[in-house]
Amino acid sequence: MLKQLFTLCIFTVVFSGKAQSVEPVQSNAASVNEPEIIFQEGNTLEKAAEQWTPEQKKEFADVFFIERGKFTVPKEPIVLKSFKGGK
């Protein structure tokens, strides 16, 4: 379940960034591979998340899983304290 939520979160972040773009969509050969690249990056992040401690998983969920209607734009950059030190 956590893997699915994490993957969903990554796809949401990636696609929400694409949705805000105002540049016109241009068809080219590079755009054909884009979904595959996103899928590979999601798999890489999912494998990394398997190594996280319970504290890291909780912090990630608390920061990035937002209830509907409770979204606020952070005033400072997001810093995940339990991830400092190489993880």
Protein backbone atom coordinates (compact mmCIF):
# COMPACT_ATOMS: atom_id res chain seq x y z
CA MET A 1 0.00 0.00 0.00
CA LEU A 2 2.85 2.39 0.88
CA LYS A 3 4.52 1.66 -2.47
CA GLN A 4 1.32 2.53 -4.31
CA LEU A 5 0.83 5.75 -2.34
CA PHE A 6 4.45 6.76 -2.89
CA THR A 7 4.23 6.06 -6.64
CA LEU A 8 0.94 7.97 -6.84
CA CYS A 9 2.55 10.90 -5.03
CA ILE A 10 5.48 10.98 -7.46
CA PHE A 11 3.19 10.84 -10.49
CA THR A 12 1.02 13.60 -9.02
CA VAL A 13 4.03 15.84 -8.45
CA VAL A 14 5.44 15.16 -11.93
CA PHE A 15 2.17 15.60 -13.79
CA SER A 16 1.05 18.64 -11.79
CA GLY A 17 4.25 20.38 -12.87
CA LYS A 18 3.48 19.51 -16.49
CA ALA A 19 -0.09 20.77 -16.16
CA GLN A 20 1.07 24.22 -15.06
CA SER A 21 3.30 24.69 -18.08
CA VAL A 22 2.07 27.26 -20.58
CA GLU A 23 4.34 26.22 -23.42
CA PRO A 24 2.62 24.61 -26.39
CA VAL A 25 3.08 20.88 -26.73
CA GLN A 26 5.44 19.99 -29.55
CA SER A 27 5.57 16.51 -30.93
CA ASN A 28 9.05 15.11 -31.31
CA ALA A 29 10.82 11.80 -30.84
CA ALA A 30 12.00 12.68 -27.31
CA SER A 31 8.45 13.10 -26.00
CA VAL A 32 7.58 9.52 -26.96
CA ASN A 33 9.99 8.18 -24.32
CA GLU A 34 8.87 10.57 -21.58
CA PRO A 35 6.31 8.23 -19.89
CA GLU A 36 8.92 5.46 -19.82
CA ILE A 37 11.45 7.79 -18.16
CA ILE A 38 8.87 8.87 -15.58
CA PHE A 39 8.05 5.22 -14.89
CA GLN A 40 11.75 4.35 -14.45
CA GLU A 41 12.31 7.30 -12.09
CA GLY A 42 9.25 6.27 -10.08
CA ASN A 43 10.63 2.74 -9.78
CA THR A 44 13.99 4.09 -8.63
CA LEU A 45 12.34 6.23 -5.96
CA GLU A 46 10.13 3.33 -4.91
CA LYS A 47 13.18 1.10 -4.41
CA ALA A 48 14.89 3.84 -2.39
CA ALA A 49 11.78 4.20 -0.22
CA GLU A 50 12.01 0.51 0.70
CA GLN A 51 15.22 1.38 2.59
CA TRP A 52 13.68 4.26 4.58
CA THR A 53 13.25 3.97 8.31
CA PRO A 54 9.72 4.17 9.79
CA GLU A 55 10.57 7.69 10.98
CA GLN A 56 11.51 8.75 7.43
CA LYS A 57 8.34 7.22 5.96
CA LYS A 58 6.19 9.05 8.51
CA GLU A 59 7.94 12.38 7.87
CA PHE A 60 7.56 11.98 4.10
CA ALA A 61 3.86 11.16 4.45
CA ASP A 62 3.26 14.05 6.86
CA VAL A 63 4.90 16.51 4.45
CA PHE A 64 3.70 15.32 1.04
CA PHE A 65 0.30 13.64 1.60
CA ILE A 66 -2.13 16.53 1.93
CA GLU A 67 -5.80 16.36 2.84
CA ARG A 68 -8.19 17.98 0.41
CA GLY A 69 -8.72 21.64 1.23
CA LYS A 70 -5.71 21.86 3.56
CA PHE A 71 -2.97 22.72 1.05
CA THR A 72 -0.77 25.68 1.91
CA VAL A 73 2.27 26.96 0.06
CA PRO A 74 5.32 26.67 2.31
CA LYS A 75 7.11 29.93 3.11
CA GLU A 76 10.48 28.17 3.47
CA PRO A 77 11.96 25.34 1.39
CA ILE A 78 10.91 21.89 2.56
CA VAL A 79 13.66 20.19 4.56
CA LEU A 80 13.14 16.59 5.62
CA LYS A 81 15.07 16.39 8.90
CA SER A 82 15.19 12.59 9.14
CA PHE A 83 16.76 12.35 5.66
CA LYS A 84 19.88 14.35 6.49
CA GLY A 85 23.11 12.40 6.51
CA GLY A 86 23.02 10.59 3.18
CA LYS A 87 19.71 8.75 3.00
